[in-house]
Amino acid sequence: MSRLGEFIVDVFCKRDALLPTIFYENAHFMLVYDKYPIVRGHMLIIPKRHVEDIIALDAEEWESLRQLKDKVLPIALRRYCGESISYNVAIQIGEHSGREIDHLHIHILPRAPGDSFEGDSRKLYRNIVERNERQDSSWVEEEVQALRKLLKYTPKKQ
């Protein structure tokens, strides 16, 4: 759960709050455009069920994750990488990992020639802490809409 002062909030359990940034979902996972992206296309894979560790996923969730990997991620990644798909995957587990929200989420960071971290992944991770101040995220809504169109996805209110 996110530590905001003395409040503990798990925003990933509140689908309605994430709706503006969800660009695809299946029975067990949501694909969400990161609200403060480190690079263009920075997305999160978030399980709908509250779990804190990837080893807590059940067999159905693993199959659902595999389907996202096979069918949806390549389409979304091509938008940012072209045909030469390159990306970083990051998962932070446990209290000493630096994770801000105690709900499993998998970061997918598309990499492309000319991105601000090209050739030095250490810069990518050093700058994560500064991303909120450094990154203008006013264009996130446009990216979400483009991905929804690309994936032929319309979010359903629950």
N, C-alpha and C. Protein backbone atom coordinates (compact mmCIF):
# COMPACT_ATOMS: atom_id res chain seq x y z
N MET A 1 0.83 -1.17 0.00
CA MET A 1 0.00 0.00 0.00
C MET A 1 0.88 1.23 0.00
N SER A 2 0.43 2.23 -0.66
CA SER A 2 1.22 3.45 -0.78
C SER A 2 1.27 4.16 0.56
N ARG A 3 2.43 4.60 0.93
CA ARG A 3 2.58 5.32 2.18
C ARG A 3 2.54 6.81 1.89
N LEU A 4 1.42 7.43 2.16
CA LEU A 4 1.24 8.86 1.93
C LEU A 4 0.98 9.49 3.30
N GLY A 5 2.03 10.01 3.91
CA GLY A 5 1.89 10.51 5.27
C GLY A 5 1.54 9.34 6.16
N GLU A 6 0.45 9.42 6.87
CA GLU A 6 0.05 8.32 7.74
C GLU A 6 -1.04 7.47 7.10
N PHE A 7 -1.45 7.81 5.91
CA PHE A 7 -2.50 7.05 5.24
C PHE A 7 -1.91 5.90 4.46
N ILE A 8 -2.62 4.79 4.42
CA ILE A 8 -2.19 3.65 3.60
C ILE A 8 -3.28 3.43 2.57
N VAL A 9 -2.90 3.51 1.31
CA VAL A 9 -3.86 3.44 0.22
C VAL A 9 -3.37 2.42 -0.81
N ASP A 10 -4.25 1.54 -1.24
CA ASP A 10 -3.91 0.64 -2.34
C ASP A 10 -4.74 1.08 -3.54
N VAL A 11 -4.20 1.97 -4.33
CA VAL A 11 -4.93 2.51 -5.47
C VAL A 11 -5.18 1.44 -6.53
N PHE A 12 -4.38 0.38 -6.55
CA PHE A 12 -4.54 -0.65 -7.57
C PHE A 12 -5.75 -1.54 -7.31
N CYS A 13 -6.31 -1.50 -6.12
CA CYS A 13 -7.54 -2.24 -5.83
C CYS A 13 -8.78 -1.42 -6.19
N LYS A 14 -8.58 -0.19 -6.61
CA LYS A 14 -9.70 0.70 -6.95
C LYS A 14 -9.73 0.89 -8.46
N ARG A 15 -10.34 -0.06 -9.16
CA ARG A 15 -10.36 -0.05 -10.62
C ARG A 15 -10.92 1.25 -11.17
N ASP A 16 -11.97 1.78 -10.56
CA ASP A 16 -12.58 3.01 -11.08
C ASP A 16 -11.59 4.17 -11.07
N ALA A 17 -10.72 4.22 -10.07
CA ALA A 17 -9.71 5.28 -10.01
C ALA A 17 -8.68 5.12 -11.13
N LEU A 18 -8.45 3.88 -11.55
CA LEU A 18 -7.47 3.60 -12.61
C LEU A 18 -8.06 3.71 -14.01
N LEU A 19 -9.37 3.74 -14.11
CA LEU A 19 -10.06 3.68 -15.41
C LEU A 19 -9.49 4.65 -16.45
N PRO A 20 -9.15 5.88 -16.11
CA PRO A 20 -8.60 6.77 -17.14
C PRO A 20 -7.29 6.29 -17.75
N THR A 21 -6.58 5.40 -17.08
CA THR A 21 -5.28 4.95 -17.59
C THR A 21 -5.27 3.48 -18.01
N ILE A 22 -6.39 2.77 -17.84
CA ILE A 22 -6.48 1.38 -18.28
C ILE A 22 -6.63 1.38 -19.80
N PHE A 23 -5.74 0.65 -20.49
CA PHE A 23 -5.88 0.58 -21.93
C PHE A 23 -6.16 -0.83 -22.42
N TYR A 24 -6.18 -1.80 -21.50
CA TYR A 24 -6.59 -3.16 -21.85
C TYR A 24 -6.77 -3.93 -20.55
N GLU A 25 -7.66 -4.90 -20.57
CA GLU A 25 -7.80 -5.79 -19.42
C GLU A 25 -8.38 -7.12 -19.87
N ASN A 26 -8.09 -8.13 -19.07
CA ASN A 26 -8.72 -9.43 -19.27
C ASN A 26 -9.31 -9.84 -17.93
N ALA A 27 -9.63 -11.10 -17.76
CA ALA A 27 -10.32 -11.54 -16.54
C ALA A 27 -9.51 -11.29 -15.27
N HIS A 28 -8.18 -11.32 -15.37
CA HIS A 28 -7.36 -11.26 -14.17
C HIS A 28 -6.41 -10.08 -14.07
N PHE A 29 -6.17 -9.36 -15.16
CA PHE A 29 -5.18 -8.29 -15.16
C PHE A 29 -5.67 -7.04 -15.87
N MET A 30 -5.10 -5.92 -15.48
CA MET A 30 -5.32 -4.65 -16.17
C MET A 30 -3.97 -4.20 -16.73
N LEU A 31 -3.97 -3.67 -17.93
CA LEU A 31 -2.80 -2.99 -18.48
C LEU A 31 -3.07 -1.50 -18.33
N VAL A 32 -2.18 -0.84 -17.61
CA VAL A 32 -2.38 0.55 -17.24
C VAL A 32 -1.18 1.36 -17.71
N TYR A 33 -1.45 2.52 -18.29
CA TYR A 33 -0.38 3.43 -18.65
C TYR A 33 0.06 4.14 -17.38
N ASP A 34 1.34 4.08 -17.06
CA ASP A 34 1.85 4.70 -15.84
C ASP A 34 1.53 6.19 -15.84
N LYS A 35 0.98 6.65 -14.73
CA LYS A 35 0.58 8.06 -14.61
C LYS A 35 1.78 9.00 -14.67
N TYR A 36 2.94 8.53 -14.26
CA TYR A 36 4.18 9.31 -14.30
C TYR A 36 5.24 8.50 -15.04
N PRO A 37 5.09 8.37 -16.35
CA PRO A 37 5.96 7.47 -17.11
C PRO A 37 7.42 7.91 -17.12
N ILE A 38 8.30 6.94 -17.01
CA ILE A 38 9.74 7.19 -17.09
C ILE A 38 10.14 7.36 -18.55
N VAL A 39 9.57 6.54 -19.43
CA VAL A 39 9.78 6.63 -20.87
C VAL A 39 8.40 6.53 -21.54
N ARG A 40 8.30 6.97 -22.78
CA ARG A 40 7.04 6.83 -23.51
C ARG A 40 6.67 5.35 -23.57
N GLY A 41 5.40 5.06 -23.25
CA GLY A 41 4.93 3.69 -23.30
C GLY A 41 5.07 2.94 -21.98
N HIS A 42 5.57 3.60 -20.92
CA HIS A 42 5.74 2.95 -19.62
C HIS A 42 4.37 2.47 -19.14
N MET A 43 4.24 1.15 -19.05
CA MET A 43 2.96 0.56 -18.67
C MET A 43 3.14 -0.36 -17.48
N LEU A 44 2.02 -0.63 -16.82
CA LEU A 44 2.00 -1.53 -15.67
C LEU A 44 1.02 -2.66 -15.95
N ILE A 45 1.40 -3.86 -15.56
CA ILE A 45 0.49 -5.00 -15.57
C ILE A 45 0.10 -5.20 -14.10
N ILE A 46 -1.20 -5.09 -13.81
CA ILE A 46 -1.67 -5.12 -12.44
C ILE A 46 -2.73 -6.21 -12.30
N PRO A 47 -2.54 -7.15 -11.36
CA PRO A 47 -3.59 -8.14 -11.15
C PRO A 47 -4.82 -7.49 -10.50
N LYS A 48 -5.99 -7.96 -10.89
CA LYS A 48 -7.22 -7.44 -10.31
C LYS A 48 -7.39 -7.91 -8.86
N ARG A 49 -6.92 -9.11 -8.60
CA ARG A 49 -6.97 -9.64 -7.23
C ARG A 49 -5.79 -9.03 -6.47
N HIS A 50 -6.03 -8.67 -5.22
CA HIS A 50 -4.94 -8.10 -4.43
C HIS A 50 -3.95 -9.21 -4.05
N VAL A 51 -2.77 -9.14 -4.64
CA VAL A 51 -1.65 -10.00 -4.25
C VAL A 51 -0.42 -9.10 -4.19
N GLU A 52 0.50 -9.44 -3.30
CA GLU A 52 1.69 -8.61 -3.13
C GLU A 52 2.92 -9.21 -3.80
N ASP A 53 2.88 -10.50 -4.14
CA ASP A 53 4.06 -11.18 -4.65
C ASP A 53 3.67 -12.01 -5.87
N ILE A 54 4.53 -12.04 -6.85
CA ILE A 54 4.25 -12.78 -8.08
C ILE A 54 4.06 -14.28 -7.81
N ILE A 55 4.70 -14.80 -6.78
CA ILE A 55 4.54 -16.23 -6.49
C ILE A 55 3.18 -16.55 -5.91
N ALA A 56 2.39 -15.53 -5.57
CA ALA A 56 1.04 -15.74 -5.05
C ALA A 56 0.00 -15.89 -6.16
N LEU A 57 0.40 -15.69 -7.41
CA LEU A 57 -0.55 -15.85 -8.51
C LEU A 57 -0.96 -17.31 -8.65
N ASP A 58 -2.25 -17.54 -8.93
CA ASP A 58 -2.71 -18.92 -9.12
C ASP A 58 -2.57 -19.32 -10.59
N ALA A 59 -2.91 -20.55 -10.90
CA ALA A 59 -2.73 -21.08 -12.27
C ALA A 59 -3.52 -20.30 -13.31
N GLU A 60 -4.76 -19.92 -12.98
CA GLU A 60 -5.57 -19.14 -13.93
C GLU A 60 -4.94 -17.77 -14.20
N GLU A 61 -4.41 -17.16 -13.15
CA GLU A 61 -3.78 -15.85 -13.32
C GLU A 61 -2.51 -15.96 -14.18
N TRP A 62 -1.72 -17.02 -13.95
CA TRP A 62 -0.52 -17.22 -14.78
C TRP A 62 -0.91 -17.39 -16.25
N GLU A 63 -1.97 -18.14 -16.53
CA GLU A 63 -2.43 -18.31 -17.91
C GLU A 63 -2.90 -16.98 -18.49
N SER A 64 -3.60 -16.22 -17.70
CA SER A 64 -4.07 -14.91 -18.13
C SER A 64 -2.90 -13.97 -18.42
N LEU A 65 -1.86 -14.03 -17.59
CA LEU A 65 -0.66 -13.23 -17.80
C LEU A 65 0.06 -13.66 -19.08
N ARG A 66 0.12 -14.97 -19.30
CA ARG A 66 0.74 -15.48 -20.52
C ARG A 66 0.00 -14.97 -21.76
N GLN A 67 -1.33 -14.96 -21.70
CA GLN A 67 -2.11 -14.46 -22.83
C GLN A 67 -1.81 -12.99 -23.12
N LEU A 68 -1.66 -12.18 -22.07
CA LEU A 68 -1.28 -10.78 -22.26
C LEU A 68 0.09 -10.70 -22.93
N LYS A 69 1.02 -11.50 -22.45
CA LYS A 69 2.38 -11.52 -22.99
C LYS A 69 2.37 -11.89 -24.48
N ASP A 70 1.57 -12.87 -24.84
CA ASP A 70 1.57 -13.36 -26.22
C ASP A 70 0.77 -12.50 -27.18
N LYS A 71 -0.36 -11.97 -26.73
CA LYS A 71 -1.29 -11.34 -27.66
C LYS A 71 -1.31 -9.82 -27.60
N VAL A 72 -1.14 -9.24 -26.44
CA VAL A 72 -1.35 -7.81 -26.28
C VAL A 72 -0.04 -7.03 -26.18
N LEU A 73 0.88 -7.48 -25.37
CA LEU A 73 2.13 -6.74 -25.19
C LEU A 73 2.88 -6.49 -26.50
N PRO A 74 3.01 -7.47 -27.39
CA PRO A 74 3.74 -7.18 -28.63
C PRO A 74 3.12 -6.03 -29.43
N ILE A 75 1.80 -5.95 -29.46
CA ILE A 75 1.12 -4.88 -30.20
C ILE A 75 1.43 -3.53 -29.54
N ALA A 76 1.28 -3.47 -28.22
CA ALA A 76 1.54 -2.21 -27.51
C ALA A 76 3.01 -1.82 -27.62
N LEU A 77 3.91 -2.78 -27.49
CA LEU A 77 5.34 -2.47 -27.56
C LEU A 77 5.77 -1.98 -28.94
N ARG A 78 5.17 -2.53 -30.00
CA ARG A 78 5.52 -2.09 -31.35
C ARG A 78 5.20 -0.61 -31.55
N ARG A 79 4.20 -0.12 -30.85
CA ARG A 79 3.87 1.31 -30.96
C ARG A 79 5.06 2.17 -30.54
N TYR A 80 5.84 1.71 -29.59
CA TYR A 80 6.94 2.52 -29.06
C TYR A 80 8.32 2.07 -29.57
N CYS A 81 8.44 0.83 -29.97
CA CYS A 81 9.75 0.28 -30.34
C CYS A 81 9.87 -0.01 -31.83
N GLY A 82 8.79 0.00 -32.55
CA GLY A 82 8.83 -0.45 -33.93
C GLY A 82 8.98 -1.96 -33.96
N GLU A 83 9.53 -2.49 -35.01
CA GLU A 83 9.67 -3.94 -35.14
C GLU A 83 10.82 -4.50 -34.29
N SER A 84 11.75 -3.65 -33.90
CA SER A 84 12.88 -4.09 -33.08
C SER A 84 12.53 -3.87 -31.61
N ILE A 85 11.74 -4.78 -31.06
CA ILE A 85 11.20 -4.60 -29.71
C ILE A 85 12.31 -4.78 -28.67
N SER A 86 12.46 -3.74 -27.84
CA SER A 86 13.38 -3.76 -26.70
C SER A 86 12.63 -3.17 -25.52
N TYR A 87 12.80 -3.77 -24.36
CA TYR A 87 12.12 -3.24 -23.18
C TYR A 87 12.78 -3.75 -21.91
N ASN A 88 12.50 -3.04 -20.82
CA ASN A 88 12.92 -3.47 -19.49
C ASN A 88 11.67 -3.91 -18.74
N VAL A 89 11.82 -4.91 -17.88
CA VAL A 89 10.75 -5.37 -17.00
C VAL A 89 11.23 -5.19 -15.58
N ALA A 90 10.39 -4.60 -14.74
CA ALA A 90 10.78 -4.40 -13.34
C ALA A 90 9.63 -4.80 -12.43
N ILE A 91 9.98 -5.58 -11.42
CA ILE A 91 9.02 -5.96 -10.38
C ILE A 91 9.72 -5.73 -9.05
N GLN A 92 9.07 -5.03 -8.15
CA GLN A 92 9.63 -4.79 -6.83
C GLN A 92 8.77 -5.55 -5.82
N ILE A 93 9.41 -6.43 -5.08
CA ILE A 93 8.69 -7.26 -4.11
C ILE A 93 9.29 -7.03 -2.73
N GLY A 94 8.44 -6.80 -1.77
CA GLY A 94 8.89 -6.70 -0.38
C GLY A 94 9.23 -5.30 0.09
N GLU A 95 9.34 -5.17 1.38
CA GLU A 95 9.48 -3.86 2.00
C GLU A 95 10.81 -3.17 1.70
N HIS A 96 11.83 -3.90 1.34
CA HIS A 96 13.14 -3.29 1.09
C HIS A 96 13.40 -3.06 -0.40
N SER A 97 12.42 -3.30 -1.23
CA SER A 97 12.60 -3.20 -2.69
C SER A 97 12.41 -1.78 -3.23
N GLY A 98 11.85 -0.91 -2.41
CA GLY A 98 11.56 0.44 -2.88
C GLY A 98 10.16 0.59 -3.46
N ARG A 99 9.39 -0.48 -3.40
CA ARG A 99 8.02 -0.43 -3.93
C ARG A 99 7.19 0.53 -3.09
N GLU A 100 6.37 1.32 -3.76
CA GLU A 100 5.52 2.28 -3.08
C GLU A 100 4.13 1.75 -2.79
N ILE A 101 3.66 0.79 -3.58
CA ILE A 101 2.31 0.25 -3.42
C ILE A 101 2.42 -1.25 -3.22
N ASP A 102 1.89 -1.75 -2.11
CA ASP A 102 1.99 -3.17 -1.77
C ASP A 102 0.91 -3.97 -2.49
N HIS A 103 0.92 -3.88 -3.78
CA HIS A 103 0.04 -4.65 -4.66
C HIS A 103 0.92 -4.97 -5.86
N LEU A 104 1.03 -6.23 -6.20
CA LEU A 104 1.89 -6.62 -7.31
C LEU A 104 1.61 -5.76 -8.53
N HIS A 105 2.66 -5.25 -9.13
CA HIS A 105 2.55 -4.56 -10.42
C HIS A 105 3.88 -4.73 -11.14
N ILE A 106 3.76 -5.00 -12.42
CA ILE A 106 4.92 -5.28 -13.26
C ILE A 106 5.11 -4.10 -14.20
N HIS A 107 6.27 -3.44 -14.11
CA HIS A 107 6.58 -2.32 -14.98
C HIS A 107 7.13 -2.85 -16.30
N ILE A 108 6.59 -2.36 -17.40
CA ILE A 108 7.12 -2.64 -18.73
C ILE A 108 7.57 -1.29 -19.30
N LEU A 109 8.85 -1.19 -19.61
CA LEU A 109 9.44 0.07 -20.07
C LEU A 109 9.98 -0.12 -21.49
N PRO A 110 9.20 0.28 -22.50
CA PRO A 110 9.68 0.16 -23.88
C PRO A 110 10.95 0.99 -24.06
N ARG A 111 11.89 0.47 -24.81
CA ARG A 111 13.13 1.19 -25.07
C ARG A 111 13.25 1.41 -26.57
N ALA A 112 13.67 2.57 -26.94
CA ALA A 112 13.77 2.92 -28.35
C ALA A 112 15.02 3.76 -28.58
N PRO A 113 15.56 3.73 -29.78
CA PRO A 113 16.70 4.58 -30.08
C PRO A 113 16.37 6.04 -29.76
N GLY A 114 17.28 6.69 -29.07
CA GLY A 114 17.08 8.09 -28.74
C GLY A 114 16.32 8.34 -27.46
N ASP A 115 15.84 7.27 -26.77
CA ASP A 115 15.19 7.56 -25.50
C ASP A 115 16.25 8.12 -24.54
N SER A 116 15.81 8.76 -23.53
CA SER A 116 16.74 9.52 -22.69
C SER A 116 17.70 8.65 -21.89
N PHE A 117 17.58 7.35 -21.95
CA PHE A 117 18.45 6.46 -21.18
C PHE A 117 19.24 5.51 -22.07
N GLU A 118 19.22 5.76 -23.37
CA GLU A 118 19.85 4.86 -24.33
C GLU A 118 21.30 4.56 -23.95
N GLY A 119 21.60 3.29 -23.87
CA GLY A 119 22.98 2.86 -23.63
C GLY A 119 23.40 2.81 -22.18
N ASP A 120 22.57 3.28 -21.27
CA ASP A 120 22.96 3.25 -19.86
C ASP A 120 21.72 3.01 -18.99
N SER A 121 21.39 1.75 -18.77
CA SER A 121 20.22 1.41 -17.98
C SER A 121 20.34 1.87 -16.54
N ARG A 122 21.56 2.08 -16.05
CA ARG A 122 21.71 2.58 -14.69
C ARG A 122 21.03 3.93 -14.53
N LYS A 123 21.08 4.77 -15.56
CA LYS A 123 20.42 6.07 -15.51
C LYS A 123 18.91 5.89 -15.35
N LEU A 124 18.37 4.88 -16.03
CA LEU A 124 16.93 4.61 -15.95
C LEU A 124 16.51 4.43 -14.51
N TYR A 125 17.22 3.61 -13.78
CA TYR A 125 16.84 3.32 -12.40
C TYR A 125 17.21 4.44 -11.44
N ARG A 126 18.28 5.17 -11.70
CA ARG A 126 18.64 6.32 -10.84
C ARG A 126 17.60 7.41 -10.93
N ASN A 127 16.99 7.55 -12.09
CA ASN A 127 16.06 8.65 -12.29
C ASN A 127 14.62 8.33 -11.92
N ILE A 128 14.34 7.12 -11.52
CA ILE A 128 12.96 6.76 -11.15
C ILE A 128 12.45 7.66 -10.04
N VAL A 129 13.27 7.92 -9.04
CA VAL A 129 12.86 8.73 -7.89
C VAL A 129 12.49 10.15 -8.32
N GLU A 130 13.15 10.67 -9.34
CA GLU A 130 12.94 12.05 -9.77
C GLU A 130 11.86 12.19 -10.83
N ARG A 131 11.23 11.11 -11.25
CA ARG A 131 10.36 11.17 -12.42
C ARG A 131 9.18 12.11 -12.26
N ASN A 132 8.60 12.22 -11.06
CA ASN A 132 7.43 13.08 -10.91
C ASN A 132 7.76 14.54 -11.19
N GLU A 133 8.93 15.00 -10.76
CA GLU A 133 9.31 16.38 -11.01
C GLU A 133 9.79 16.57 -12.45
N ARG A 134 10.45 15.58 -12.99
CA ARG A 134 11.10 15.68 -14.29
C ARG A 134 10.12 15.51 -15.45
N GLN A 135 9.11 14.72 -15.29
CA GLN A 135 8.28 14.30 -16.41
C GLN A 135 6.97 15.06 -16.46
N ASP A 136 6.69 15.67 -17.57
CA ASP A 136 5.39 16.27 -17.82
C ASP A 136 4.48 15.15 -18.33
N SER A 137 3.46 14.81 -17.56
CA SER A 137 2.61 13.68 -17.94
C SER A 137 1.28 14.13 -18.55
N SER A 138 1.23 15.36 -19.04
CA SER A 138 -0.02 15.86 -19.61
C SER A 138 -0.44 15.09 -20.86
N TRP A 139 0.47 14.39 -21.50
CA TRP A 139 0.18 13.65 -22.72
C TRP A 139 -0.28 12.22 -22.47
N VAL A 140 -0.35 11.78 -21.20
CA VAL A 140 -0.71 10.40 -20.87
C VAL A 140 -2.08 10.04 -21.43
N GLU A 141 -3.06 10.92 -21.30
CA GLU A 141 -4.41 10.61 -21.78
C GLU A 141 -4.41 10.32 -23.28
N GLU A 142 -3.65 11.08 -24.05
CA GLU A 142 -3.56 10.83 -25.50
C GLU A 142 -2.98 9.45 -25.78
N GLU A 143 -1.96 9.06 -25.02
CA GLU A 143 -1.34 7.75 -25.20
C GLU A 143 -2.33 6.63 -24.86
N VAL A 144 -3.08 6.79 -23.78
CA VAL A 144 -4.07 5.79 -23.38
C VAL A 144 -5.10 5.62 -24.49
N GLN A 145 -5.59 6.73 -25.03
CA GLN A 145 -6.60 6.65 -26.10
C GLN A 145 -6.02 5.97 -27.34
N ALA A 146 -4.79 6.28 -27.69
CA ALA A 146 -4.16 5.66 -28.87
C ALA A 146 -4.00 4.15 -28.66
N LEU A 147 -3.60 3.73 -27.47
CA LEU A 147 -3.44 2.31 -27.18
C LEU A 147 -4.79 1.58 -27.19
N ARG A 148 -5.80 2.22 -26.61
CA ARG A 148 -7.14 1.61 -26.64
C ARG A 148 -7.60 1.39 -28.08
N LYS A 149 -7.38 2.38 -28.92
CA LYS A 149 -7.77 2.25 -30.33
C LYS A 149 -6.98 1.14 -31.01
N LEU A 150 -5.69 1.10 -30.78
CA LEU A 150 -4.82 0.09 -31.37
C LEU A 150 -5.25 -1.32 -30.96
N LEU A 151 -5.65 -1.48 -29.70
CA LEU A 151 -6.03 -2.79 -29.17
C LEU A 151 -7.54 -3.05 -29.27
N LYS A 152 -8.27 -2.11 -29.86
CA LYS A 152 -9.73 -2.23 -30.01
C LYS A 152 -10.39 -2.53 -28.66
N TYR A 153 -10.02 -1.71 -27.68
CA TYR A 153 -10.50 -1.92 -26.32
C TYR A 153 -11.32 -0.72 -25.86
N THR A 154 -12.48 -1.00 -25.29
CA THR A 154 -13.31 0.02 -24.66
C THR A 154 -13.53 -0.41 -23.22
N PRO A 155 -13.12 0.43 -22.26
CA PRO A 155 -13.29 0.03 -20.86
C PRO A 155 -14.77 -0.02 -20.48
N LYS A 156 -15.09 -0.98 -19.65
CA LYS A 156 -16.46 -1.12 -19.17
C LYS A 156 -16.50 -0.68 -17.71
N LYS A 157 -17.45 0.16 -17.40
CA LYS A 157 -17.60 0.57 -16.00
C LYS A 157 -18.23 -0.57 -15.24
N GLN A 158 -17.77 -0.75 -13.99
CA GLN A 158 -18.31 -1.84 -13.18
C GLN A 158 -19.22 -1.33 -12.12
